[in-house]
C-alpha cells in the first residue's frame, strides 16, 4: 500500500516524485543545458572556420588585385608604344625609342657572322683525294631467335619492315618461330 500511496502524485497530475522532486523538469533542464552548450560550441567552431576562410579570401583578393595592377601597367605601357608606332607610321618619323631595343645589336651580330662566313668561304681548300668508289660488299647475316622474341621485334632491330623480313625468309607474319631458329636479316 505504501507504493500506492507513493503513486498518488501521478493520479493528481503532479509531476513531483515521492520525495517532492520534479523528475521530468529536471531531465528537461539537463537536456536544454547540454543543447545550449552544443549550440555554443558549434557557434565558436564556425566562427573560427569563417575567420580562417576570410583570411584566405583576403589573401586571394590581394593577389588578384596585384595581378590586375600589373596588367593595367602593362596595358598602359603597350598603349603608349602603340601610340608611338602609329605616330611613326603616319608621320614617317623615327620613334623616340626603338620598338625592339636589341635590334641594333642583333644586326651587328648578323653582319659579323656574315663576314666570318665569307672569309671562310674564300679560303683555299686543300685538294682532298676523291673517295674511292667501292661496291658495297654485303655480308649475309643471320639472327638466331631467342626466347620471347617476335618477328616484328627482330625486324625492327635490323631496320627492316616485317614484310621484308618475311620475304627474305620465305615465311608469313603468322609463321611461328622458335628459339635457336636462324633467320636471314640481310639480302644474299
C-alpha atoms as a PDB file:
ATOM      1  CA  UNK A   1       0.000   0.000   0.000  1.00  0.00           C
ATOM      2  CA  UNK A   2       2.943   2.250   0.559  1.00  0.00           C
ATOM      3  CA  UNK A   3       3.649   2.003  -3.125  1.00  0.00           C
ATOM      4  CA  UNK A   4       0.127   3.006  -3.961  1.00  0.00           C
ATOM      5  CA  UNK A   5       0.388   5.949  -1.646  1.00  0.00           C
ATOM      6  CA  UNK A   6       3.614   6.946  -3.318  1.00  0.00           C
ATOM      7  CA  UNK A   7       1.975   6.873  -6.752  1.00  0.00           C
ATOM      8  CA  UNK A   8      -0.757   9.214  -5.655  1.00  0.00           C
ATOM      9  CA  UNK A   9       1.071  12.177  -7.054  1.00  0.00           C
ATOM     10  CA  UNK A  10       0.694  10.774 -10.557  1.00  0.00           C
ATOM     11  CA  UNK A  11      -3.082  10.470 -10.287  1.00  0.00           C
ATOM     12  CA  UNK A  12      -3.393  14.031  -9.245  1.00  0.00           C
ATOM     13  CA  UNK A  13      -1.432  15.271 -12.278  1.00  0.00           C
ATOM     14  CA  UNK A  14       1.527  16.274 -10.156  1.00  0.00           C
ATOM     15  CA  UNK A  15       4.929  15.550 -11.702  1.00  0.00           C
ATOM     16  CA  UNK A  16       6.722  15.591  -8.439  1.00  0.00           C
ATOM     17  CA  UNK A  17       8.283  12.409  -7.224  1.00  0.00           C
ATOM     18  CA  UNK A  18       7.544  10.820  -3.869  1.00  0.00           C
ATOM     19  CA  UNK A  19      10.134  12.987  -2.115  1.00  0.00           C
ATOM     20  CA  UNK A  20       8.963  16.210  -3.804  1.00  0.00           C
ATOM     21  CA  UNK A  21      11.478  16.482  -6.762  1.00  0.00           C
ATOM     22  CA  UNK A  22      10.359  17.188 -10.261  1.00  0.00           C
ATOM     23  CA  UNK A  23      11.965  14.435 -12.384  1.00  0.00           C
ATOM     24  CA  UNK A  24      10.546  15.457 -15.750  1.00  0.00           C
ATOM     25  CA  UNK A  25      11.518  19.085 -15.345  1.00  0.00           C
ATOM     26  CA  UNK A  26      14.990  18.110 -14.132  1.00  0.00           C
ATOM     27  CA  UNK A  27      15.702  15.952 -17.172  1.00  0.00           C
ATOM     28  CA  UNK A  28      14.243  18.659 -19.413  1.00  0.00           C
ATOM     29  CA  UNK A  29      16.541  21.250 -17.845  1.00  0.00           C
ATOM     30  CA  UNK A  30      19.552  18.958 -18.340  1.00  0.00           C
ATOM     31  CA  UNK A  31      18.621  18.466 -21.994  1.00  0.00           C
ATOM     32  CA  UNK A  32      18.281  22.205 -22.529  1.00  0.00           C
ATOM     33  CA  UNK A  33      21.579  22.854 -20.752  1.00  0.00           C
ATOM     34  CA  UNK A  34      23.520  20.345 -22.887  1.00  0.00           C
ATOM     35  CA  UNK A  35      21.784  21.558 -26.042  1.00  0.00           C
ATOM     36  CA  UNK A  36      22.803  25.132 -25.239  1.00  0.00           C
ATOM     37  CA  UNK A  37      26.420  24.029 -24.706  1.00  0.00           C
ATOM     38  CA  UNK A  38      26.394  22.136 -28.026  1.00  0.00           C
ATOM     39  CA  UNK A  39      24.990  25.174 -29.869  1.00  0.00           C
ATOM     40  CA  UNK A  40      27.600  27.398 -28.236  1.00  0.00           C
ATOM     41  CA  UNK A  41      30.405  25.031 -29.320  1.00  0.00           C
ATOM     42  CA  UNK A  42      29.040  24.997 -32.890  1.00  0.00           C
ATOM     43  CA  UNK A  43      28.923  28.796 -32.970  1.00  0.00           C
ATOM     44  CA  UNK A  44      32.529  29.082 -31.723  1.00  0.00           C
ATOM     45  CA  UNK A  45      33.787  26.458 -34.176  1.00  0.00           C
ATOM     46  CA  UNK A  46      32.013  28.058 -37.119  1.00  0.00           C
ATOM     47  CA  UNK A  47      33.368  31.494 -36.208  1.00  0.00           C
ATOM     48  CA  UNK A  48      36.922  30.097 -36.268  1.00  0.00           C
ATOM     49  CA  UNK A  49      36.283  28.472 -39.623  1.00  0.00           C
ATOM     50  CA  UNK A  50      34.840  31.658 -41.104  1.00  0.00           C
ATOM     51  CA  UNK A  51      37.773  33.714 -39.814  1.00  0.00           C
ATOM     52  CA  UNK A  52      40.246  31.308 -41.434  1.00  0.00           C
ATOM     53  CA  UNK A  53      38.205  31.383 -44.640  1.00  0.00           C
ATOM     54  CA  UNK A  54      38.068  35.200 -44.558  1.00  0.00           C
ATOM     55  CA  UNK A  55      41.873  35.374 -44.243  1.00  0.00           C
ATOM     56  CA  UNK A  56      42.292  33.043 -47.221  1.00  0.00           C
ATOM     57  CA  UNK A  57      39.812  35.076 -49.271  1.00  0.00           C
ATOM     58  CA  UNK A  58      41.611  38.314 -48.358  1.00  0.00           C
ATOM     59  CA  UNK A  59      44.935  36.830 -49.483  1.00  0.00           C
ATOM     60  CA  UNK A  60      43.347  35.692 -52.748  1.00  0.00           C
ATOM     61  CA  UNK A  61      41.784  39.110 -53.289  1.00  0.00           C
ATOM     62  CA  UNK A  62      45.121  40.843 -52.612  1.00  0.00           C
ATOM     63  CA  UNK A  63      46.865  38.550 -55.096  1.00  0.00           C
ATOM     64  CA  UNK A  64      44.232  39.220 -57.741  1.00  0.00           C
ATOM     65  CA  UNK A  65      44.454  42.981 -57.126  1.00  0.00           C
ATOM     66  CA  UNK A  66      48.229  42.860 -57.516  1.00  0.00           C
ATOM     67  CA  UNK A  67      47.926  40.947 -60.779  1.00  0.00           C
ATOM     68  CA  UNK A  68      45.286  43.368 -62.078  1.00  0.00           C
ATOM     69  CA  UNK A  69      47.531  46.330 -61.218  1.00  0.00           C
ATOM     70  CA  UNK A  70      50.454  44.699 -63.023  1.00  0.00           C
ATOM     71  CA  UNK A  71      48.284  44.033 -66.068  1.00  0.00           C
ATOM     72  CA  UNK A  72      46.979  47.600 -66.075  1.00  0.00           C
ATOM     73  CA  UNK A  73      50.543  48.944 -66.023  1.00  0.00           C
ATOM     74  CA  UNK A  74      51.480  46.615 -68.889  1.00  0.00           C
ATOM     75  CA  UNK A  75      48.452  47.670 -70.909  1.00  0.00           C
ATOM     76  CA  UNK A  76      49.183  51.372 -70.404  1.00  0.00           C
ATOM     77  CA  UNK A  77      52.817  50.804 -71.450  1.00  0.00           C
ATOM     78  CA  UNK A  78      51.647  48.959 -74.559  1.00  0.00           C
ATOM     79  CA  UNK A  79      49.139  51.705 -75.349  1.00  0.00           C
ATOM     80  CA  UNK A  80      51.992  54.213 -75.238  1.00  0.00           C
ATOM     81  CA  UNK A  81      54.066  52.087 -77.592  1.00  0.00           C
ATOM     82  CA  UNK A  82      51.136  51.669 -79.982  1.00  0.00           C
ATOM     83  CA  UNK A  83      50.580  55.434 -79.987  1.00  0.00           C
ATOM     84  CA  UNK A  84      54.268  55.998 -80.684  1.00  0.00           C
ATOM     85  CA  UNK A  85      54.281  53.455 -83.504  1.00  0.00           C
ATOM     86  CA  UNK A  86      51.158  54.997 -85.065  1.00  0.00           C
ATOM     87  CA  UNK A  87      52.852  58.356 -84.968  1.00  0.00           C
ATOM     88  CA  UNK A  88      55.931  56.821 -86.578  1.00  0.00           C
ATOM     89  CA  UNK A  89      53.874  55.289 -89.365  1.00  0.00           C
ATOM     90  CA  UNK A  90      51.682  58.345 -90.018  1.00  0.00           C
ATOM     91  CA  UNK A  91      54.425  60.973 -89.952  1.00  0.00           C
ATOM     92  CA  UNK A  92      57.287  58.897 -91.207  1.00  0.00           C
ATOM     93  CA  UNK A  93      59.357  59.933 -88.175  1.00  0.00           C
ATOM     94  CA  UNK A  94      61.640  57.850 -86.082  1.00  0.00           C
ATOM     95  CA  UNK A  95      60.036  56.949 -82.740  1.00  0.00           C
ATOM     96  CA  UNK A  96      61.689  58.219 -79.556  1.00  0.00           C
ATOM     97  CA  UNK A  97      62.753  54.746 -78.667  1.00  0.00           C
ATOM     98  CA  UNK A  98      63.135  51.734 -80.879  1.00  0.00           C
ATOM     99  CA  UNK A  99      60.322  49.180 -80.777  1.00  0.00           C
ATOM    100  CA  UNK A 100      62.886  46.429 -80.381  1.00  0.00           C
ATOM    101  CA  UNK A 101      65.779  47.612 -78.197  1.00  0.00           C
ATOM    102  CA  UNK A 102      68.091  44.739 -79.164  1.00  0.00           C
ATOM    103  CA  UNK A 103      67.537  45.160 -82.894  1.00  0.00           C
ATOM    104  CA  UNK A 104      70.767  47.109 -83.446  1.00  0.00           C
ATOM    105  CA  UNK A 105      72.809  44.564 -81.514  1.00  0.00           C
ATOM    106  CA  UNK A 106      71.283  41.713 -83.492  1.00  0.00           C
ATOM    107  CA  UNK A 107      72.054  43.498 -86.768  1.00  0.00           C
ATOM    108  CA  UNK A 108      75.709  43.910 -85.760  1.00  0.00           C
ATOM    109  CA  UNK A 109      75.993  40.251 -84.792  1.00  0.00           C
ATOM    110  CA  UNK A 110      74.459  39.152 -88.101  1.00  0.00           C
ATOM    111  CA  UNK A 111      76.909  41.314 -90.049  1.00  0.00           C
ATOM    112  CA  UNK A 112      79.867  39.835 -88.096  1.00  0.00           C
ATOM    113  CA  UNK A 113      78.673  36.297 -88.764  1.00  0.00           C
ATOM    114  CA  UNK A 114      78.165  37.010 -92.464  1.00  0.00           C
ATOM    115  CA  UNK A 115      81.688  38.409 -92.748  1.00  0.00           C
ATOM    116  CA  UNK A 116      83.083  35.329 -90.996  1.00  0.00           C
ATOM    117  CA  UNK A 117      81.186  33.081 -93.380  1.00  0.00           C
ATOM    118  CA  UNK A 118      82.514  34.886 -96.449  1.00  0.00           C
ATOM    119  CA  UNK A 119      86.061  34.784 -95.019  1.00  0.00           C
ATOM    120  CA  UNK A 120      85.835  31.038 -94.534  1.00  0.00           C
ATOM    121  CA  UNK A 121      84.360  30.588 -97.999  1.00  0.00           C
ATOM    122  CA  UNK A 122      87.291  32.490 -99.602  1.00  0.00           C
ATOM    123  CA  UNK A 123      89.995  30.305 -98.040  1.00  0.00           C
ATOM    124  CA  UNK A 124      91.573  27.900-100.445  1.00  0.00           C
ATOM    125  CA  UNK A 125      90.588  24.365 -99.770  1.00  0.00           C
ATOM    126  CA  UNK A 126      93.302  21.747 -99.837  1.00  0.00           C
ATOM    127  CA  UNK A 127      92.553  19.245-102.504  1.00  0.00           C
ATOM    128  CA  UNK A 128      91.375  16.081-100.970  1.00  0.00           C
ATOM    129  CA  UNK A 129      91.598  12.860-102.838  1.00  0.00           C
ATOM    130  CA  UNK A 130      88.301  11.776-104.229  1.00  0.00           C
ATOM    131  CA  UNK A 131      86.826   8.943-102.243  1.00  0.00           C
ATOM    132  CA  UNK A 132      87.216   5.629-103.946  1.00  0.00           C
ATOM    133  CA  UNK A 133      84.084   4.183-105.299  1.00  0.00           C
ATOM    134  CA  UNK A 134      83.760   0.816-103.804  1.00  0.00           C
ATOM    135  CA  UNK A 135      80.978  -1.577-104.313  1.00  0.00           C
ATOM    136  CA  UNK A 136      79.419  -2.382-101.028  1.00  0.00           C
ATOM    137  CA  UNK A 137      80.075  -5.922-100.106  1.00  0.00           C
ATOM    138  CA  UNK A 138      77.041  -7.133 -98.321  1.00  0.00           C
ATOM    139  CA  UNK A 139      77.731  -9.873 -95.936  1.00  0.00           C
ATOM    140  CA  UNK A 140      74.944 -12.323 -95.345  1.00  0.00           C
ATOM    141  CA  UNK A 141      73.815 -12.042 -91.751  1.00  0.00           C
ATOM    142  CA  UNK A 142      71.574 -14.297 -89.770  1.00  0.00           C
ATOM    143  CA  UNK A 143      69.801 -13.783 -86.494  1.00  0.00           C
ATOM    144  CA  UNK A 144      69.373 -16.618 -84.043  1.00  0.00           C
ATOM    145  CA  UNK A 145      65.946 -16.409 -82.444  1.00  0.00           C
ATOM    146  CA  UNK A 146      65.933 -16.123 -78.652  1.00  0.00           C
ATOM    147  CA  UNK A 147      63.132 -16.969 -76.278  1.00  0.00           C
ATOM    148  CA  UNK A 148      60.349 -14.355 -76.242  1.00  0.00           C
ATOM    149  CA  UNK A 149      61.339 -12.644 -79.499  1.00  0.00           C
ATOM    150  CA  UNK A 150      58.824 -11.877 -82.221  1.00  0.00           C
ATOM    151  CA  UNK A 151      59.227 -11.373 -85.953  1.00  0.00           C
ATOM    152  CA  UNK A 152      58.212  -7.737 -85.546  1.00  0.00           C
ATOM    153  CA  UNK A 153      60.864  -7.033 -82.867  1.00  0.00           C
ATOM    154  CA  UNK A 154      63.574  -8.806 -84.859  1.00  0.00           C
ATOM    155  CA  UNK A 155      62.693  -6.836 -88.000  1.00  0.00           C
ATOM    156  CA  UNK A 156      62.864  -3.522 -86.120  1.00  0.00           C
ATOM    157  CA  UNK A 157      66.242  -4.433 -84.561  1.00  0.00           C
ATOM    158  CA  UNK A 158      67.713  -4.781 -88.053  1.00  0.00           C
ATOM    159  CA  UNK A 159      65.914  -1.823 -89.627  1.00  0.00           C
ATOM    160  CA  UNK A 160      63.620  -3.962 -91.728  1.00  0.00           C
ATOM    161  CA  UNK A 161      59.891  -3.974 -92.074  1.00  0.00           C
ATOM    162  CA  UNK A 162      58.027  -7.092 -91.021  1.00  0.00           C
ATOM    163  CA  UNK A 163      57.152  -7.770 -94.671  1.00  0.00           C
ATOM    164  CA  UNK A 164      60.826  -7.524 -95.735  1.00  0.00           C
ATOM    165  CA  UNK A 165      61.923  -9.973 -93.025  1.00  0.00           C
ATOM    166  CA  UNK A 166      59.195 -12.415 -94.005  1.00  0.00           C
ATOM    167  CA  UNK A 167      60.058 -12.100 -97.711  1.00  0.00           C
ATOM    168  CA  UNK A 168      63.779 -12.762 -97.021  1.00  0.00           C
ATOM    169  CA  UNK A 169      62.943 -15.919 -95.068  1.00  0.00           C
ATOM    170  CA  UNK A 170      60.005 -17.012 -97.250  1.00  0.00           C
ATOM    171  CA  UNK A 171      57.590 -17.076 -94.328  1.00  0.00           C
ATOM    172  CA  UNK A 172      54.409 -15.254 -93.359  1.00  0.00           C
ATOM    173  CA  UNK A 173      53.927 -12.992 -90.326  1.00  0.00           C
ATOM    174  CA  UNK A 174      51.795 -15.730 -88.754  1.00  0.00           C
ATOM    175  CA  UNK A 175      54.522 -18.383 -89.099  1.00  0.00           C
ATOM    176  CA  UNK A 176      55.617 -19.473 -85.617  1.00  0.00           C
ATOM    177  CA  UNK A 177      59.302 -19.073 -84.766  1.00  0.00           C
ATOM    178  CA  UNK A 178      61.194 -20.918 -82.073  1.00  0.00           C
ATOM    179  CA  UNK A 179      64.386 -20.286 -80.060  1.00  0.00           C
ATOM    180  CA  UNK A 180      67.507 -21.382 -81.928  1.00  0.00           C
ATOM    181  CA  UNK A 181      65.955 -20.851 -85.354  1.00  0.00           C
ATOM    182  CA  UNK A 182      68.131 -18.798 -87.726  1.00  0.00           C
ATOM    183  CA  UNK A 183      66.540 -16.005 -89.755  1.00  0.00           C
ATOM    184  CA  UNK A 184      68.144 -14.193 -92.675  1.00  0.00           C
ATOM    185  CA  UNK A 185      68.324 -10.465 -91.882  1.00  0.00           C
ATOM    186  CA  UNK A 186      70.342  -9.195 -94.899  1.00  0.00           C
ATOM    187  CA  UNK A 187      69.785  -9.927 -98.574  1.00  0.00           C
ATOM    188  CA  UNK A 188      72.021 -12.572-100.130  1.00  0.00           C
END
